[in-house]
């Protein structure tokens, strides 16, 4: 799995890091029981603040992708509804929000694609 962030990307760094994990889970590169790198190690390798990594890990925990265990770190947990499509939809919604697209506009754009 390639851990990569782009500081020039308008998407926040913590969100870019979380997206790497979401895609790896969706693509089954990461499966239940796999451990993520220690936050300090990952922060050093990506040259980002430790709190950026911790925020990404907390978001992933809140979404049900990982469990944060004292002494074991961040561990991927099974999530039955996680599919590649779920990850793509979540990414679409995040990008629409960052572009200022309203919920109604997004639904309309999706509807146009479904009808095409």
N, C-alpha and C. Protein backbone atom coordinates (compact mmCIF):
# COMPACT_ATOMS: atom_id res chain seq x y z
N UNK A 1 0.85 -1.17 0.00
CA UNK A 1 0.00 0.00 0.00
C UNK A 1 0.90 1.24 0.00
N UNK A 2 0.58 2.16 -0.87
CA UNK A 2 1.37 3.38 -1.02
C UNK A 2 0.74 4.51 -0.21
N UNK A 3 1.48 4.99 0.78
CA UNK A 3 1.03 6.13 1.59
C UNK A 3 1.57 7.38 0.94
N UNK A 4 0.66 8.24 0.51
CA UNK A 4 1.08 9.44 -0.19
C UNK A 4 0.10 10.57 0.09
N UNK A 5 0.64 11.79 0.29
CA UNK A 5 -0.20 12.97 0.44
C UNK A 5 0.34 14.07 -0.46
N UNK A 6 -0.54 14.96 -0.85
CA UNK A 6 -0.15 16.09 -1.69
C UNK A 6 -0.54 17.38 -0.97
N UNK A 7 0.45 18.11 -0.43
CA UNK A 7 0.14 19.33 0.31
C UNK A 7 -0.55 20.40 -0.55
N UNK A 8 -0.44 20.31 -1.87
CA UNK A 8 -1.08 21.28 -2.77
C UNK A 8 -2.54 20.96 -3.04
N UNK A 9 -2.96 19.74 -2.71
CA UNK A 9 -4.33 19.31 -2.91
C UNK A 9 -5.23 20.07 -1.94
N UNK A 10 -6.39 20.57 -2.41
CA UNK A 10 -7.28 21.30 -1.50
C UNK A 10 -7.89 20.40 -0.42
N UNK A 11 -7.89 19.09 -0.65
CA UNK A 11 -8.41 18.16 0.35
C UNK A 11 -7.44 18.14 1.54
N UNK A 12 -7.95 18.25 2.78
CA UNK A 12 -7.06 18.24 3.95
C UNK A 12 -6.18 16.99 4.00
N UNK A 13 -5.00 17.14 4.56
CA UNK A 13 -4.05 16.02 4.63
C UNK A 13 -4.63 14.82 5.37
N UNK A 14 -5.32 15.08 6.49
CA UNK A 14 -5.88 13.95 7.24
C UNK A 14 -6.89 13.18 6.41
N UNK A 15 -7.63 13.89 5.55
CA UNK A 15 -8.62 13.25 4.70
C UNK A 15 -7.92 12.43 3.60
N UNK A 16 -6.82 12.94 3.08
CA UNK A 16 -6.05 12.20 2.07
C UNK A 16 -5.53 10.89 2.68
N UNK A 17 -5.06 10.97 3.92
CA UNK A 17 -4.53 9.77 4.59
C UNK A 17 -5.65 8.77 4.83
N UNK A 18 -6.80 9.24 5.30
CA UNK A 18 -7.94 8.36 5.53
C UNK A 18 -8.39 7.71 4.23
N UNK A 19 -8.34 8.47 3.14
CA UNK A 19 -8.75 7.94 1.84
C UNK A 19 -7.86 6.80 1.38
N UNK A 20 -6.56 6.89 1.66
CA UNK A 20 -5.64 5.80 1.32
C UNK A 20 -6.11 4.50 1.98
N UNK A 21 -6.48 4.60 3.25
CA UNK A 21 -6.92 3.41 3.98
C UNK A 21 -8.27 2.93 3.46
N UNK A 22 -9.20 3.85 3.23
CA UNK A 22 -10.52 3.45 2.71
C UNK A 22 -10.39 2.68 1.40
N UNK A 23 -9.56 3.19 0.51
CA UNK A 23 -9.38 2.52 -0.78
C UNK A 23 -8.71 1.15 -0.61
N UNK A 24 -7.74 1.09 0.28
CA UNK A 24 -7.05 -0.19 0.51
C UNK A 24 -8.02 -1.22 1.10
N UNK A 25 -8.92 -0.78 1.97
CA UNK A 25 -9.94 -1.69 2.53
C UNK A 25 -10.90 -2.11 1.42
N UNK A 26 -11.36 -1.14 0.63
CA UNK A 26 -12.30 -1.44 -0.46
C UNK A 26 -11.70 -2.38 -1.49
N UNK A 27 -10.40 -2.20 -1.77
CA UNK A 27 -9.72 -3.05 -2.75
C UNK A 27 -9.18 -4.33 -2.14
N UNK A 28 -9.44 -4.53 -0.87
CA UNK A 28 -9.00 -5.70 -0.11
C UNK A 28 -7.49 -5.84 -0.02
N UNK A 29 -6.78 -4.71 -0.13
CA UNK A 29 -5.35 -4.70 0.15
C UNK A 29 -5.15 -4.79 1.66
N UNK A 30 -6.12 -4.27 2.39
CA UNK A 30 -6.15 -4.37 3.85
C UNK A 30 -7.38 -5.18 4.23
N UNK A 31 -7.21 -6.12 5.14
CA UNK A 31 -8.33 -6.93 5.59
C UNK A 31 -8.37 -6.93 7.11
N UNK A 32 -9.42 -7.48 7.66
CA UNK A 32 -9.60 -7.51 9.11
C UNK A 32 -8.37 -8.10 9.79
N UNK A 33 -7.91 -7.40 10.82
CA UNK A 33 -6.74 -7.85 11.58
C UNK A 33 -5.43 -7.21 11.16
N UNK A 34 -5.40 -6.62 9.96
CA UNK A 34 -4.17 -5.94 9.52
C UNK A 34 -3.93 -4.70 10.37
N UNK A 35 -2.67 -4.47 10.68
CA UNK A 35 -2.30 -3.31 11.48
C UNK A 35 -1.82 -2.18 10.58
N UNK A 36 -2.23 -0.97 10.92
CA UNK A 36 -1.74 0.21 10.22
C UNK A 36 -0.44 0.65 10.89
N UNK A 37 0.37 1.41 10.18
CA UNK A 37 1.63 1.88 10.77
C UNK A 37 1.36 2.72 12.03
N UNK A 38 2.30 2.69 12.95
CA UNK A 38 2.20 3.54 14.13
C UNK A 38 2.11 4.99 13.68
N UNK A 39 1.31 5.76 14.38
CA UNK A 39 1.07 7.16 13.99
C UNK A 39 2.38 7.94 13.91
N UNK A 40 3.27 7.74 14.87
CA UNK A 40 4.54 8.48 14.86
C UNK A 40 5.38 8.13 13.64
N UNK A 41 5.44 6.84 13.32
CA UNK A 41 6.21 6.39 12.15
C UNK A 41 5.64 6.97 10.86
N UNK A 42 4.31 6.90 10.73
CA UNK A 42 3.67 7.39 9.52
C UNK A 42 3.84 8.90 9.38
N UNK A 43 3.71 9.61 10.49
CA UNK A 43 3.90 11.06 10.46
C UNK A 43 5.30 11.41 9.99
N UNK A 44 6.29 10.68 10.50
CA UNK A 44 7.68 10.94 10.11
C UNK A 44 7.90 10.61 8.64
N UNK A 45 7.35 9.49 8.16
CA UNK A 45 7.59 9.09 6.78
C UNK A 45 6.88 10.01 5.78
N UNK A 46 5.72 10.56 6.18
CA UNK A 46 4.99 11.46 5.28
C UNK A 46 5.35 12.92 5.50
N UNK A 47 6.16 13.17 6.53
CA UNK A 47 6.56 14.53 6.89
C UNK A 47 5.34 15.41 7.18
N UNK A 48 4.44 14.87 8.02
CA UNK A 48 3.27 15.61 8.48
C UNK A 48 3.22 15.58 9.99
N UNK A 49 2.42 16.44 10.56
CA UNK A 49 2.26 16.51 12.00
C UNK A 49 1.60 15.24 12.53
N UNK A 50 2.02 14.78 13.70
CA UNK A 50 1.46 13.59 14.32
C UNK A 50 -0.06 13.72 14.49
N UNK A 51 -0.54 14.91 14.82
CA UNK A 51 -1.98 15.11 15.03
C UNK A 51 -2.77 14.93 13.74
N UNK A 52 -2.14 15.15 12.61
CA UNK A 52 -2.80 14.91 11.31
C UNK A 52 -3.10 13.42 11.16
N UNK A 53 -2.13 12.58 11.49
CA UNK A 53 -2.31 11.13 11.41
C UNK A 53 -3.37 10.69 12.41
N UNK A 54 -3.29 11.21 13.63
CA UNK A 54 -4.25 10.82 14.65
C UNK A 54 -5.68 11.22 14.26
N UNK A 55 -5.82 12.36 13.63
CA UNK A 55 -7.15 12.79 13.17
C UNK A 55 -7.68 11.85 12.10
N UNK A 56 -6.81 11.45 11.17
CA UNK A 56 -7.21 10.50 10.12
C UNK A 56 -7.62 9.17 10.75
N UNK A 57 -6.84 8.69 11.71
CA UNK A 57 -7.15 7.42 12.37
C UNK A 57 -8.46 7.52 13.15
N UNK A 58 -8.70 8.65 13.81
CA UNK A 58 -9.96 8.83 14.54
C UNK A 58 -11.15 8.83 13.59
N UNK A 59 -10.99 9.48 12.45
CA UNK A 59 -12.07 9.49 11.47
C UNK A 59 -12.35 8.07 10.97
N UNK A 60 -11.31 7.32 10.68
CA UNK A 60 -11.48 5.94 10.23
C UNK A 60 -12.14 5.09 11.31
N UNK A 61 -11.79 5.35 12.56
CA UNK A 61 -12.43 4.62 13.67
C UNK A 61 -13.92 4.96 13.72
N UNK A 62 -14.24 6.26 13.60
CA UNK A 62 -15.63 6.68 13.65
C UNK A 62 -16.45 6.11 12.51
N UNK A 63 -15.82 5.88 11.37
CA UNK A 63 -16.50 5.30 10.20
C UNK A 63 -16.60 3.78 10.29
N UNK A 64 -15.92 3.18 11.26
CA UNK A 64 -15.99 1.73 11.44
C UNK A 64 -14.98 0.95 10.63
N UNK A 65 -13.94 1.60 10.14
CA UNK A 65 -12.93 0.89 9.36
C UNK A 65 -11.82 0.30 10.23
N UNK A 66 -11.49 1.01 11.31
CA UNK A 66 -10.40 0.54 12.17
C UNK A 66 -10.82 0.60 13.63
N UNK A 67 -10.04 -0.10 14.44
CA UNK A 67 -10.18 -0.07 15.88
C UNK A 67 -8.86 0.44 16.42
N UNK A 68 -8.92 1.33 17.38
CA UNK A 68 -7.70 1.83 18.01
C UNK A 68 -7.54 1.09 19.33
N UNK A 69 -6.49 0.28 19.41
CA UNK A 69 -6.27 -0.55 20.60
C UNK A 69 -4.99 -0.13 21.30
N UNK A 70 -5.10 0.10 22.59
CA UNK A 70 -3.93 0.45 23.38
C UNK A 70 -2.93 -0.70 23.31
N UNK A 71 -1.72 -0.37 22.96
CA UNK A 71 -0.68 -1.39 22.87
C UNK A 71 -0.58 -2.09 21.52
N UNK A 72 -1.67 -2.07 20.74
CA UNK A 72 -1.65 -2.71 19.42
C UNK A 72 -1.74 -1.70 18.29
N UNK A 73 -2.17 -0.50 18.59
CA UNK A 73 -2.28 0.53 17.57
C UNK A 73 -3.58 0.44 16.80
N UNK A 74 -3.53 0.85 15.55
CA UNK A 74 -4.71 0.88 14.68
C UNK A 74 -4.81 -0.45 13.92
N UNK A 75 -5.95 -1.11 14.08
CA UNK A 75 -6.17 -2.41 13.47
C UNK A 75 -7.43 -2.36 12.61
N UNK A 76 -7.33 -2.86 11.39
CA UNK A 76 -8.48 -2.91 10.48
C UNK A 76 -9.49 -3.91 11.02
N UNK A 77 -10.76 -3.50 11.01
CA UNK A 77 -11.82 -4.41 11.46
C UNK A 77 -12.74 -4.72 10.28
N UNK A 78 -13.40 -5.85 10.36
CA UNK A 78 -14.31 -6.24 9.29
C UNK A 78 -15.50 -5.31 9.29
N UNK A 79 -15.90 -4.89 8.13
CA UNK A 79 -17.08 -4.04 7.98
C UNK A 79 -17.84 -4.59 6.79
N UNK A 80 -18.90 -5.31 7.06
CA UNK A 80 -19.64 -6.01 6.03
C UNK A 80 -20.11 -5.15 4.88
N UNK A 81 -20.46 -3.89 5.15
CA UNK A 81 -21.03 -3.06 4.08
C UNK A 81 -19.96 -2.32 3.28
N UNK A 82 -18.70 -2.49 3.64
CA UNK A 82 -17.66 -1.77 2.90
C UNK A 82 -17.39 -2.47 1.58
N UNK A 83 -17.66 -1.74 0.53
CA UNK A 83 -17.39 -2.23 -0.81
C UNK A 83 -16.66 -1.14 -1.56
N UNK A 84 -16.18 -1.46 -2.70
CA UNK A 84 -15.52 -0.46 -3.54
C UNK A 84 -16.49 0.68 -3.86
N UNK A 85 -17.72 0.33 -4.10
CA UNK A 85 -18.72 1.35 -4.42
C UNK A 85 -18.95 2.29 -3.23
N UNK A 86 -19.00 1.74 -2.02
CA UNK A 86 -19.16 2.58 -0.82
C UNK A 86 -18.04 3.62 -0.75
N UNK A 87 -16.81 3.17 -1.00
CA UNK A 87 -15.66 4.07 -0.94
C UNK A 87 -15.75 5.14 -2.02
N UNK A 88 -16.17 4.75 -3.21
CA UNK A 88 -16.30 5.73 -4.29
C UNK A 88 -17.39 6.75 -4.00
N UNK A 89 -18.50 6.29 -3.44
CA UNK A 89 -19.58 7.22 -3.11
C UNK A 89 -19.14 8.18 -2.02
N UNK A 90 -18.48 7.66 -1.00
CA UNK A 90 -17.99 8.53 0.08
C UNK A 90 -17.04 9.58 -0.47
N UNK A 91 -16.18 9.17 -1.39
CA UNK A 91 -15.24 10.10 -2.01
C UNK A 91 -15.99 11.15 -2.84
N UNK A 92 -16.99 10.73 -3.59
CA UNK A 92 -17.81 11.65 -4.38
C UNK A 92 -18.48 12.69 -3.50
N UNK A 93 -19.06 12.26 -2.40
CA UNK A 93 -19.75 13.18 -1.50
C UNK A 93 -18.76 14.18 -0.90
N UNK A 94 -17.60 13.72 -0.48
CA UNK A 94 -16.58 14.62 0.08
C UNK A 94 -16.14 15.66 -0.95
N UNK A 95 -15.92 15.21 -2.17
CA UNK A 95 -15.49 16.13 -3.22
C UNK A 95 -16.59 17.14 -3.55
N UNK A 96 -17.83 16.69 -3.57
CA UNK A 96 -18.94 17.59 -3.85
C UNK A 96 -19.04 18.65 -2.76
N UNK A 97 -18.90 18.24 -1.51
CA UNK A 97 -18.95 19.20 -0.40
C UNK A 97 -17.82 20.21 -0.51
N UNK A 98 -16.63 19.75 -0.82
CA UNK A 98 -15.50 20.67 -0.91
C UNK A 98 -15.64 21.61 -2.11
N UNK A 99 -16.40 21.20 -3.12
CA UNK A 99 -16.63 22.05 -4.28
C UNK A 99 -17.84 22.96 -4.09
N UNK A 100 -18.52 22.84 -2.94
CA UNK A 100 -19.67 23.69 -2.67
C UNK A 100 -20.94 23.27 -3.38
N UNK A 101 -21.00 22.02 -3.81
CA UNK A 101 -22.18 21.52 -4.50
C UNK A 101 -23.22 21.10 -3.46
N UNK A 102 -24.44 21.60 -3.62
CA UNK A 102 -25.50 21.29 -2.67
C UNK A 102 -25.95 19.83 -2.83
N UNK A 103 -26.65 19.38 -1.82
CA UNK A 103 -27.19 18.02 -1.85
C UNK A 103 -28.10 17.83 -3.06
N UNK A 104 -28.96 18.81 -3.31
CA UNK A 104 -29.90 18.72 -4.42
C UNK A 104 -29.16 18.69 -5.76
N UNK A 105 -28.12 19.53 -5.89
CA UNK A 105 -27.33 19.53 -7.13
C UNK A 105 -26.65 18.18 -7.34
N UNK A 106 -26.11 17.63 -6.25
CA UNK A 106 -25.44 16.33 -6.36
C UNK A 106 -26.42 15.25 -6.79
N UNK A 107 -27.61 15.23 -6.18
CA UNK A 107 -28.63 14.26 -6.57
C UNK A 107 -29.01 14.42 -8.03
N UNK A 108 -29.13 15.67 -8.47
CA UNK A 108 -29.47 15.93 -9.87
C UNK A 108 -28.37 15.41 -10.80
N UNK A 109 -27.12 15.67 -10.45
CA UNK A 109 -26.00 15.19 -11.28
C UNK A 109 -25.97 13.66 -11.34
N UNK A 110 -26.23 13.02 -10.23
CA UNK A 110 -26.25 11.55 -10.20
C UNK A 110 -27.41 11.03 -11.03
N UNK A 111 -28.55 11.68 -10.88
CA UNK A 111 -29.74 11.27 -11.64
C UNK A 111 -29.48 11.35 -13.15
N UNK A 112 -28.80 12.43 -13.59
CA UNK A 112 -28.47 12.57 -15.00
C UNK A 112 -27.59 11.42 -15.47
N UNK A 113 -26.63 11.01 -14.64
CA UNK A 113 -25.75 9.91 -15.02
C UNK A 113 -26.49 8.58 -15.06
N UNK A 114 -27.41 8.37 -14.14
CA UNK A 114 -28.17 7.14 -14.12
C UNK A 114 -29.06 7.02 -15.35
N UNK A 115 -29.61 8.16 -15.76
CA UNK A 115 -30.50 8.16 -16.93
C UNK A 115 -29.74 8.09 -18.25
N UNK A 116 -28.47 8.41 -18.23
CA UNK A 116 -27.68 8.44 -19.47
C UNK A 116 -27.44 7.05 -20.02
